[in-house]
Amino acid sequence: MRLYLTVLRSSVRRHATYRAASLAGAFTNTVFGFMRAYVLIALWQTKPVIGGYDLTAAITFCFLTQGLIGPIAVFQGGLPEMAERIRTGDIALDLYRPADFQGWLLATDLGRAVPDFWYRSLPPMLAGALVFDLRLPDSPEVWLAVPVAITLAIVVSFSIRYLVMLAATLLFDERGVSSVAVVLALFFSGILLPLPLFPGWLGTLAQLLPWAATLQVPADVFLGQYQGLELLGAIGGQVAWAVVLLGIGRHVTTRVRHRVEVQGG
């Protein structure tokens, strides 16, 4: 455990040095947040409540999800730092480090998310709060649940991107799989519209898929859409997806390692 904490701290320090890039990303996310907000305002003029959200909740959802784009890595189809190592074959060296390959990359990704949260998540929310009346959690249990939900969202996102990266090791090129993964994340995470607004069976399916655990669930936790046992159920759903996807990733990692052995490294 000490090793992975060291890796996490090292990743935090490394990614914290890119403040200018992070702030530029925050500016872009903020601009698109205002664009999304005014689209939602136009949509909510037709009805005061849509999909269980009033206008204040919808605008808060908008800026919150814009802020979480960086930490959750919505636009990363895989693990970019591993892409070149896959193409060159250097991933074989990573697989045989005297440390758990999946745990190492998870610690690295969690370290990346920490400065992204401070530099890319807070500015959109603060900018939105200056212009609109945003809704904040109104109970201590929700305030306690929010960081848990965000952390689990990052883990679920990593688990999906890790599987995409492993698929790239089998296909020897990550671009196609990564592009598909980004499209699925955009459509099913809630970044375009809150998933309860999706019609019929599509909305039900979207909320059952793992991408919902990356943005929709933490946003709904923040907005107080879950209460009591529903809140525990939402967090439990994130835990379940994290366990399942990490388990699949561990199994596939073993298969990839065996394949590397067969190919002679």
C-alpha atoms as a PDB file:
ATOM      1  CA  MET A   1       0.000   0.000   0.000  1.00  0.00           C
ATOM      2  CA  ARG A   2       2.874   2.373   0.803  1.00  0.00           C
ATOM      3  CA  LEU A   3       4.175   1.952  -2.751  1.00  0.00           C
ATOM      4  CA  TYR A   4       0.889   2.994  -4.315  1.00  0.00           C
ATOM      5  CA  LEU A   5       0.535   5.983  -1.981  1.00  0.00           C
ATOM      6  CA  THR A   6       4.006   7.048  -3.108  1.00  0.00           C
ATOM      7  CA  VAL A   7       2.970   6.645  -6.746  1.00  0.00           C
ATOM      8  CA  LEU A   8      -0.185   8.696  -6.072  1.00  0.00           C
ATOM      9  CA  ARG A   9       1.757  11.523  -4.414  1.00  0.00           C
ATOM     10  CA  SER A  10       4.297  11.529  -7.232  1.00  0.00           C
ATOM     11  CA  SER A  11       1.483  11.722  -9.794  1.00  0.00           C
ATOM     12  CA  VAL A  12      -0.126  14.628  -7.911  1.00  0.00           C
ATOM     13  CA  ARG A  13       3.143  16.580  -7.953  1.00  0.00           C
ATOM     14  CA  ARG A  14       3.774  15.826 -11.622  1.00  0.00           C
ATOM     15  CA  HIS A  15       0.325  16.835 -12.845  1.00  0.00           C
ATOM     16  CA  ALA A  16       0.166  19.876 -10.555  1.00  0.00           C
ATOM     17  CA  THR A  17       3.018  21.421 -12.542  1.00  0.00           C
ATOM     18  CA  TYR A  18       0.729  21.854 -15.578  1.00  0.00           C
ATOM     19  CA  ARG A  19      -1.306  24.661 -14.004  1.00  0.00           C
ATOM     20  CA  ALA A  20      -1.516  26.764 -17.171  1.00  0.00           C
ATOM     21  CA  ALA A  21      -2.909  23.861 -19.219  1.00  0.00           C
ATOM     22  CA  SER A  22      -5.369  23.002 -16.453  1.00  0.00           C
ATOM     23  CA  LEU A  23      -6.591  26.581 -16.149  1.00  0.00           C
ATOM     24  CA  ALA A  24      -6.959  26.793 -19.930  1.00  0.00           C
ATOM     25  CA  GLY A  25      -9.068  23.652 -19.782  1.00  0.00           C
ATOM     26  CA  ALA A  26     -11.116  25.161 -16.957  1.00  0.00           C
ATOM     27  CA  PHE A  27     -11.741  28.286 -19.055  1.00  0.00           C
ATOM     28  CA  THR A  28     -12.933  26.163 -21.981  1.00  0.00           C
ATOM     29  CA  ASN A  29     -15.187  24.078 -19.736  1.00  0.00           C
ATOM     30  CA  THR A  30     -16.620  27.249 -18.220  1.00  0.00           C
ATOM     31  CA  VAL A  31     -17.434  28.764 -21.624  1.00  0.00           C
ATOM     32  CA  PHE A  32     -19.159  25.580 -22.734  1.00  0.00           C
ATOM     33  CA  GLY A  33     -20.912  25.501 -19.362  1.00  0.00           C
ATOM     34  CA  PHE A  34     -22.564  28.837 -20.085  1.00  0.00           C
ATOM     35  CA  MET A  35     -23.496  27.670 -23.572  1.00  0.00           C
ATOM     36  CA  ARG A  36     -25.106  24.522 -22.147  1.00  0.00           C
ATOM     37  CA  ALA A  37     -26.806  26.534 -19.412  1.00  0.00           C
ATOM     38  CA  TYR A  38     -28.579  28.847 -21.845  1.00  0.00           C
ATOM     39  CA  VAL A  39     -29.685  25.875 -23.951  1.00  0.00           C
ATOM     40  CA  LEU A  40     -31.176  24.341 -20.800  1.00  0.00           C
ATOM     41  CA  ILE A  41     -32.854  27.634 -19.895  1.00  0.00           C
ATOM     42  CA  ALA A  42     -34.552  27.636 -23.299  1.00  0.00           C
ATOM     43  CA  LEU A  43     -35.595  24.003 -22.838  1.00  0.00           C
ATOM     44  CA  TRP A  44     -36.934  24.545 -19.310  1.00  0.00           C
ATOM     45  CA  GLN A  45     -39.083  27.457 -20.476  1.00  0.00           C
ATOM     46  CA  THR A  46     -41.435  24.845 -21.920  1.00  0.00           C
ATOM     47  CA  LYS A  47     -41.993  23.146 -18.541  1.00  0.00           C
ATOM     48  CA  PRO A  48     -40.977  24.116 -14.979  1.00  0.00           C
ATOM     49  CA  VAL A  49     -39.852  20.563 -14.119  1.00  0.00           C
ATOM     50  CA  ILE A  50     -38.375  18.045 -16.571  1.00  0.00           C
ATOM     51  CA  GLY A  51     -37.103  14.624 -15.575  1.00  0.00           C
ATOM     52  CA  GLY A  52     -37.304  15.537 -11.893  1.00  0.00           C
ATOM     53  CA  TYR A  53     -35.126  18.660 -12.296  1.00  0.00           C
ATOM     54  CA  ASP A  54     -36.299  22.237 -11.921  1.00  0.00           C
ATOM     55  CA  LEU A  55     -34.340  24.970 -13.714  1.00  0.00           C
ATOM     56  CA  THR A  56     -31.999  25.636 -10.763  1.00  0.00           C
ATOM     57  CA  ALA A  57     -31.129  21.959 -10.495  1.00  0.00           C
ATOM     58  CA  ALA A  58     -30.597  21.692 -14.247  1.00  0.00           C
ATOM     59  CA  ILE A  59     -28.186  24.660 -14.338  1.00  0.00           C
ATOM     60  CA  THR A  60     -26.325  23.338 -11.284  1.00  0.00           C
ATOM     61  CA  PHE A  61     -26.089  19.957 -13.000  1.00  0.00           C
ATOM     62  CA  CYS A  62     -24.681  21.689 -16.060  1.00  0.00           C
ATOM     63  CA  PHE A  63     -21.827  23.496 -14.282  1.00  0.00           C
ATOM     64  CA  LEU A  64     -21.095  20.598 -11.959  1.00  0.00           C
ATOM     65  CA  THR A  65     -20.683  18.142 -14.829  1.00  0.00           C
ATOM     66  CA  GLN A  66     -18.593  20.646 -16.761  1.00  0.00           C
ATOM     67  CA  GLY A  67     -16.343  20.917 -13.738  1.00  0.00           C
ATOM     68  CA  LEU A  68     -16.016  17.141 -13.425  1.00  0.00           C
ATOM     69  CA  ILE A  69     -14.910  16.653 -17.034  1.00  0.00           C
ATOM     70  CA  GLY A  70     -11.247  16.959 -16.021  1.00  0.00           C
ATOM     71  CA  PRO A  71     -11.095  14.690 -12.959  1.00  0.00           C
ATOM     72  CA  ILE A  72     -13.374  12.075 -14.525  1.00  0.00           C
ATOM     73  CA  ALA A  73     -11.441  12.298 -17.831  1.00  0.00           C
ATOM     74  CA  VAL A  74     -14.629  12.158 -19.911  1.00  0.00           C
ATOM     75  CA  PHE A  75     -12.818  12.911 -23.168  1.00  0.00           C
ATOM     76  CA  GLN A  76     -10.089  10.318 -22.639  1.00  0.00           C
ATOM     77  CA  GLY A  77     -11.056   7.107 -24.376  1.00  0.00           C
ATOM     78  CA  GLY A  78      -8.210   5.210 -22.755  1.00  0.00           C
ATOM     79  CA  LEU A  79      -5.016   5.982 -20.865  1.00  0.00           C
ATOM     80  CA  PRO A  80      -3.105   8.405 -23.141  1.00  0.00           C
ATOM     81  CA  GLU A  81       0.213   7.967 -21.374  1.00  0.00           C
ATOM     82  CA  MET A  82       0.144   4.263 -22.230  1.00  0.00           C
ATOM     83  CA  ALA A  83      -0.744   4.700 -25.911  1.00  0.00           C
ATOM     84  CA  GLU A  84       2.814   5.217 -27.136  1.00  0.00           C
ATOM     85  CA  ARG A  85       4.106   2.407 -24.911  1.00  0.00           C
ATOM     86  CA  ILE A  86       1.570   0.073 -26.509  1.00  0.00           C
ATOM     87  CA  ARG A  87       2.711   1.020 -30.012  1.00  0.00           C
ATOM     88  CA  THR A  88       6.391   0.589 -29.168  1.00  0.00           C
ATOM     89  CA  GLY A  89       5.906  -2.580 -27.141  1.00  0.00           C
ATOM     90  CA  ASP A  90       7.339  -0.995 -23.979  1.00  0.00           C
ATOM     91  CA  ILE A  91       4.175  -2.030 -22.163  1.00  0.00           C
ATOM     92  CA  ALA A  92       5.801  -5.453 -21.808  1.00  0.00           C
ATOM     93  CA  LEU A  93       8.233  -3.890 -19.346  1.00  0.00           C
ATOM     94  CA  ASP A  94       5.350  -2.324 -17.400  1.00  0.00           C
ATOM     95  CA  LEU A  95       3.579  -5.658 -17.119  1.00  0.00           C
ATOM     96  CA  TYR A  96       6.602  -7.205 -15.435  1.00  0.00           C
ATOM     97  CA  ARG A  97       7.331  -4.491 -12.901  1.00  0.00           C
ATOM     98  CA  PRO A  98       7.582  -5.818  -9.323  1.00  0.00           C
ATOM     99  CA  ALA A  99       4.245  -4.103  -8.591  1.00  0.00           C
ATOM    100  CA  ASP A 100       0.635  -4.677  -9.521  1.00  0.00           C
ATOM    101  CA  PHE A 101       0.184  -3.176 -13.005  1.00  0.00           C
ATOM    102  CA  GLN A 102      -3.460  -2.222 -12.513  1.00  0.00           C
ATOM    103  CA  GLY A 103      -2.872  -0.810  -9.021  1.00  0.00           C
ATOM    104  CA  TRP A 104       0.061   1.264 -10.267  1.00  0.00           C
ATOM    105  CA  LEU A 105      -1.989   2.852 -13.044  1.00  0.00           C
ATOM    106  CA  LEU A 106      -4.980   3.417 -10.733  1.00  0.00           C
ATOM    107  CA  ALA A 107      -2.771   5.246  -8.220  1.00  0.00           C
ATOM    108  CA  THR A 108      -1.329   7.320 -11.073  1.00  0.00           C
ATOM    109  CA  ASP A 109      -4.804   8.217 -12.340  1.00  0.00           C
ATOM    110  CA  LEU A 110      -6.080   9.178  -8.888  1.00  0.00           C
ATOM    111  CA  GLY A 111      -3.019  11.418  -8.530  1.00  0.00           C
ATOM    112  CA  ARG A 112      -3.846  13.043 -11.879  1.00  0.00           C
ATOM    113  CA  ALA A 113      -7.409  13.719 -10.747  1.00  0.00           C
ATOM    114  CA  VAL A 114      -6.448  15.659  -7.591  1.00  0.00           C
ATOM    115  CA  PRO A 115      -4.936  18.767  -9.265  1.00  0.00           C
ATOM    116  CA  ASP A 116      -7.532  18.481 -12.028  1.00  0.00           C
ATOM    117  CA  PHE A 117     -10.232  18.867  -9.384  1.00  0.00           C
ATOM    118  CA  TRP A 118      -8.691  22.018  -7.896  1.00  0.00           C
ATOM    119  CA  TYR A 119      -7.738  23.675 -11.181  1.00  0.00           C
ATOM    120  CA  ARG A 120     -10.491  22.446 -13.512  1.00  0.00           C
ATOM    121  CA  SER A 121     -13.527  21.635 -11.354  1.00  0.00           C
ATOM    122  CA  LEU A 122     -13.811  24.642  -9.063  1.00  0.00           C
ATOM    123  CA  PRO A 123     -13.550  27.485 -11.669  1.00  0.00           C
ATOM    124  CA  PRO A 124     -16.651  26.453 -13.672  1.00  0.00           C
ATOM    125  CA  MET A 125     -18.696  26.079 -10.494  1.00  0.00           C
ATOM    126  CA  LEU A 126     -17.533  29.427  -9.135  1.00  0.00           C
ATOM    127  CA  ALA A 127     -18.181  31.168 -12.459  1.00  0.00           C
ATOM    128  CA  GLY A 128     -21.634  29.626 -12.667  1.00  0.00           C
ATOM    129  CA  ALA A 129     -22.414  30.699  -9.109  1.00  0.00           C
ATOM    130  CA  LEU A 130     -21.551  34.316  -9.966  1.00  0.00           C
ATOM    131  CA  VAL A 131     -24.199  34.412 -12.694  1.00  0.00           C
ATOM    132  CA  PHE A 132     -26.840  31.893 -11.648  1.00  0.00           C
ATOM    133  CA  ASP A 133     -28.430  30.715  -8.429  1.00  0.00           C
ATOM    134  CA  LEU A 134     -26.857  27.266  -8.064  1.00  0.00           C
ATOM    135  CA  ARG A 135     -28.156  24.628  -5.671  1.00  0.00           C
ATOM    136  CA  LEU A 136     -25.793  23.356  -2.976  1.00  0.00           C
ATOM    137  CA  PRO A 137     -26.196  20.273  -0.773  1.00  0.00           C
ATOM    138  CA  ASP A 138     -28.494  21.030   2.157  1.00  0.00           C
ATOM    139  CA  SER A 139     -27.547  18.271   4.605  1.00  0.00           C
ATOM    140  CA  PRO A 140     -24.336  16.992   6.242  1.00  0.00           C
ATOM    141  CA  GLU A 141     -24.875  13.468   4.896  1.00  0.00           C
ATOM    142  CA  VAL A 142     -24.932  14.777   1.327  1.00  0.00           C
ATOM    143  CA  TRP A 143     -21.770  16.830   1.885  1.00  0.00           C
ATOM    144  CA  LEU A 144     -20.084  13.663   3.191  1.00  0.00           C
ATOM    145  CA  ALA A 145     -21.400  11.579   0.295  1.00  0.00           C
ATOM    146  CA  VAL A 146     -20.251  13.961  -2.459  1.00  0.00           C
ATOM    147  CA  PRO A 147     -16.461  13.338  -2.193  1.00  0.00           C
ATOM    148  CA  VAL A 148     -17.120   9.603  -1.902  1.00  0.00           C
ATOM    149  CA  ALA A 149     -19.277   9.653  -5.038  1.00  0.00           C
ATOM    150  CA  ILE A 150     -16.703  11.706  -6.968  1.00  0.00           C
ATOM    151  CA  THR A 151     -13.845   9.407  -5.926  1.00  0.00           C
ATOM    152  CA  LEU A 152     -15.811   6.327  -6.944  1.00  0.00           C
ATOM    153  CA  ALA A 153     -16.701   8.033 -10.236  1.00  0.00           C
ATOM    154  CA  ILE A 154     -12.993   8.480 -10.961  1.00  0.00           C
ATOM    155  CA  VAL A 155     -12.353   4.814 -10.147  1.00  0.00           C
ATOM    156  CA  VAL A 156     -15.183   3.651 -12.437  1.00  0.00           C
ATOM    157  CA  SER A 157     -13.937   5.948 -15.201  1.00  0.00           C
ATOM    158  CA  PHE A 158     -10.427   4.582 -14.780  1.00  0.00           C
ATOM    159  CA  SER A 159     -11.746   1.016 -14.893  1.00  0.00           C
ATOM    160  CA  ILE A 160     -13.455   1.662 -18.228  1.00  0.00           C
ATOM    161  CA  ARG A 161     -10.419   3.445 -19.686  1.00  0.00           C
ATOM    162  CA  TYR A 162      -8.145   0.674 -18.393  1.00  0.00           C
ATOM    163  CA  LEU A 163     -10.199  -1.915 -20.298  1.00  0.00           C
ATOM    164  CA  VAL A 164      -9.973   0.251 -23.422  1.00  0.00           C
ATOM    165  CA  MET A 165      -6.197   0.370 -22.975  1.00  0.00           C
ATOM    166  CA  LEU A 166      -6.045  -3.421 -22.610  1.00  0.00           C
ATOM    167  CA  ALA A 167      -8.138  -3.829 -25.760  1.00  0.00           C
ATOM    168  CA  ALA A 168      -5.610  -1.638 -27.541  1.00  0.00           C
ATOM    169  CA  THR A 169      -2.798  -3.997 -26.493  1.00  0.00           C
ATOM    170  CA  LEU A 170      -4.622  -6.811 -28.287  1.00  0.00           C
ATOM    171  CA  LEU A 171      -5.409  -4.728 -31.380  1.00  0.00           C
ATOM    172  CA  PHE A 172      -2.012  -2.938 -31.420  1.00  0.00           C
ATOM    173  CA  ASP A 173      -3.746   0.434 -31.979  1.00  0.00           C
ATOM    174  CA  GLU A 174      -5.837   2.335 -29.460  1.00  0.00           C
ATOM    175  CA  ARG A 175      -7.393   4.957 -31.742  1.00  0.00           C
ATOM    176  CA  GLY A 176     -10.472   3.099 -32.944  1.00  0.00           C
ATOM    177  CA  VAL A 177     -11.438   1.645 -29.565  1.00  0.00           C
ATOM    178  CA  SER A 178     -10.670   4.950 -27.856  1.00  0.00           C
ATOM    179  CA  SER A 179     -12.931   6.886 -30.237  1.00  0.00           C
ATOM    180  CA  VAL A 180     -15.831   4.513 -29.594  1.00  0.00           C
ATOM    181  CA  ALA A 181     -15.254   4.773 -25.850  1.00  0.00           C
ATOM    182  CA  VAL A 182     -15.389   8.588 -25.984  1.00  0.00           C
ATOM    183  CA  VAL A 183     -18.684   8.523 -27.915  1.00  0.00           C
ATOM    184  CA  LEU A 184     -20.226   6.104 -25.399  1.00  0.00           C
ATOM    185  CA  ALA A 185     -19.003   8.229 -22.496  1.00  0.00           C
ATOM    186  CA  LEU A 186     -20.421  11.416 -24.023  1.00  0.00           C
ATOM    187  CA  PHE A 187     -23.799   9.836 -24.683  1.00  0.00           C
ATOM    188  CA  PHE A 188     -24.310   7.766 -21.537  1.00  0.00           C
ATOM    189  CA  SER A 189     -22.504   9.723 -18.798  1.00  0.00           C
ATOM    190  CA  GLY A 190     -24.932  12.641 -18.626  1.00  0.00           C
ATOM    191  CA  ILE A 191     -22.577  15.268 -20.002  1.00  0.00           C
ATOM    192  CA  LEU A 192     -24.923  16.103 -22.898  1.00  0.00           C
ATOM    193  CA  LEU A 193     -28.216  15.944 -20.976  1.00  0.00           C
ATOM    194  CA  PRO A 194     -29.245  14.501 -17.607  1.00  0.00           C
ATOM    195  CA  LEU A 195     -30.006  10.840 -18.232  1.00  0.00           C
ATOM    196  CA  PRO A 196     -33.557  11.027 -16.767  1.00  0.00           C
ATOM    197  CA  LEU A 197     -34.422  13.199 -19.775  1.00  0.00           C
ATOM    198  CA  PHE A 198     -33.756  10.284 -22.135  1.00  0.00           C
ATOM    199  CA  PRO A 199     -37.061   8.762 -23.295  1.00  0.00           C
ATOM    200  CA  GLY A 200     -38.462   5.394 -22.254  1.00  0.00           C
ATOM    201  CA  TRP A 201     -36.262   2.325 -22.339  1.00  0.00           C
ATOM    202  CA  LEU A 202     -33.237   4.353 -23.475  1.00  0.00           C
ATOM    203  CA  GLY A 203     -33.290   6.397 -20.277  1.00  0.00           C
ATOM    204  CA  THR A 204     -33.646   3.259 -18.159  1.00  0.00           C
ATOM    205  CA  LEU A 205     -30.786   1.558 -19.984  1.00  0.00           C
ATOM    206  CA  ALA A 206     -28.543   4.635 -19.766  1.00  0.00           C
ATOM    207  CA  GLN A 207     -28.906   4.800 -15.991  1.00  0.00           C
ATOM    208  CA  LEU A 208     -27.995   1.115 -15.630  1.00  0.00           C
ATOM    209  CA  LEU A 209     -24.767   1.368 -17.636  1.00  0.00           C
ATOM    210  CA  PRO A 210     -21.415   2.069 -15.922  1.00  0.00           C
ATOM    211  CA  TRP A 211     -21.000   5.487 -17.563  1.00  0.00           C
ATOM    212  CA  ALA A 212     -23.891   6.786 -15.436  1.00  0.00           C
ATOM    213  CA  ALA A 213     -21.726   6.157 -12.358  1.00  0.00           C
ATOM    214  CA  THR A 214     -19.096   8.597 -13.661  1.00  0.00           C
ATOM    215  CA  LEU A 215     -21.110  11.829 -13.953  1.00  0.00           C
ATOM    216  CA  GLN A 216     -24.843  11.317 -13.496  1.00  0.00           C
ATOM    217  CA  VAL A 217     -24.648   9.688 -10.074  1.00  0.00           C
ATOM    218  CA  PRO A 218     -22.214  12.131  -8.406  1.00  0.00           C
ATOM    219  CA  ALA A 219     -24.181  15.057  -9.854  1.00  0.00           C
ATOM    220  CA  ASP A 220     -27.453  13.661  -8.502  1.00  0.00           C
ATOM    221  CA  VAL A 221     -25.805  13.032  -5.127  1.00  0.00           C
ATOM    222  CA  PHE A 222     -24.688  16.673  -5.054  1.00  0.00           C
ATOM    223  CA  LEU A 223     -28.195  17.869  -5.959  1.00  0.00           C
ATOM    224  CA  GLY A 224     -29.815  15.764  -3.232  1.00  0.00           C
ATOM    225  CA  GLN A 225     -31.758  13.631  -5.697  1.00  0.00           C
ATOM    226  CA  TYR A 226     -31.082  10.642  -3.448  1.00  0.00           C
ATOM    227  CA  GLN A 227     -32.171  10.493   0.163  1.00  0.00           C
ATOM    228  CA  GLY A 228     -31.618   7.896   2.877  1.00  0.00           C
ATOM    229  CA  LEU A 229     -31.437   4.383   1.506  1.00  0.00           C
ATOM    230  CA  GLU A 230     -31.544   5.723  -2.057  1.00  0.00           C
ATOM    231  CA  LEU A 231     -28.282   7.550  -1.371  1.00  0.00           C
ATOM    232  CA  LEU A 232     -26.675   4.364  -0.060  1.00  0.00           C
ATOM    233  CA  GLY A 233     -28.020   2.526  -3.087  1.00  0.00           C
ATOM    234  CA  ALA A 234     -26.502   5.069  -5.485  1.00  0.00           C
ATOM    235  CA  ILE A 235     -23.093   4.841  -3.790  1.00  0.00           C
ATOM    236  CA  GLY A 236     -23.440   1.064  -3.673  1.00  0.00           C
ATOM    237  CA  GLY A 237     -24.086   0.994  -7.408  1.00  0.00           C
ATOM    238  CA  GLN A 238     -20.851   2.877  -8.006  1.00  0.00           C
ATOM    239  CA  VAL A 239     -18.982   0.457  -5.752  1.00  0.00           C
ATOM    240  CA  ALA A 240     -20.501  -2.500  -7.609  1.00  0.00           C
ATOM    241  CA  TRP A 241     -19.429  -1.173 -11.011  1.00  0.00           C
ATOM    242  CA  ALA A 242     -15.932  -0.385  -9.706  1.00  0.00           C
ATOM    243  CA  VAL A 243     -15.531  -3.910  -8.323  1.00  0.00           C
ATOM    244  CA  VAL A 244     -16.910  -5.594 -11.456  1.00  0.00           C
ATOM    245  CA  LEU A 245     -14.876  -3.533 -13.919  1.00  0.00           C
ATOM    246  CA  LEU A 246     -11.661  -3.739 -11.899  1.00  0.00           C
ATOM    247  CA  GLY A 247     -12.194  -7.493 -11.634  1.00  0.00           C
ATOM    248  CA  ILE A 248     -12.640  -7.818 -15.391  1.00  0.00           C
ATOM    249  CA  GLY A 249      -9.582  -5.641 -15.890  1.00  0.00           C
ATOM    250  CA  ARG A 250      -7.504  -7.881 -13.624  1.00  0.00           C
ATOM    251  CA  HIS A 251      -8.626 -10.977 -15.525  1.00  0.00           C
ATOM    252  CA  VAL A 252      -7.859  -9.433 -18.909  1.00  0.00           C
ATOM    253  CA  THR A 253      -4.479  -8.226 -17.608  1.00  0.00           C
ATOM    254  CA  THR A 254      -3.565 -11.850 -16.894  1.00  0.00           C
ATOM    255  CA  ARG A 255      -4.562 -12.820 -20.434  1.00  0.00           C
ATOM    256  CA  VAL A 256      -2.531  -9.949 -21.899  1.00  0.00           C
ATOM    257  CA  ARG A 257       0.510 -10.922 -19.833  1.00  0.00           C
ATOM    258  CA  HIS A 258       0.251 -14.504 -21.094  1.00  0.00           C
ATOM    259  CA  ARG A 259      -0.043 -13.264 -24.653  1.00  0.00           C
ATOM    260  CA  VAL A 260       3.111 -11.206 -24.197  1.00  0.00           C
ATOM    261  CA  GLU A 261       4.885 -14.349 -23.002  1.00  0.00           C
ATOM    262  CA  VAL A 262       3.731 -16.305 -26.063  1.00  0.00           C
ATOM    263  CA  GLN A 263       4.993 -13.541 -28.348  1.00  0.00           C
ATOM    264  CA  GLY A 264       8.351 -13.691 -26.615  1.00  0.00           C
ATOM    265  CA  GLY A 265       8.027 -10.283 -24.894  1.00  0.00           C
END
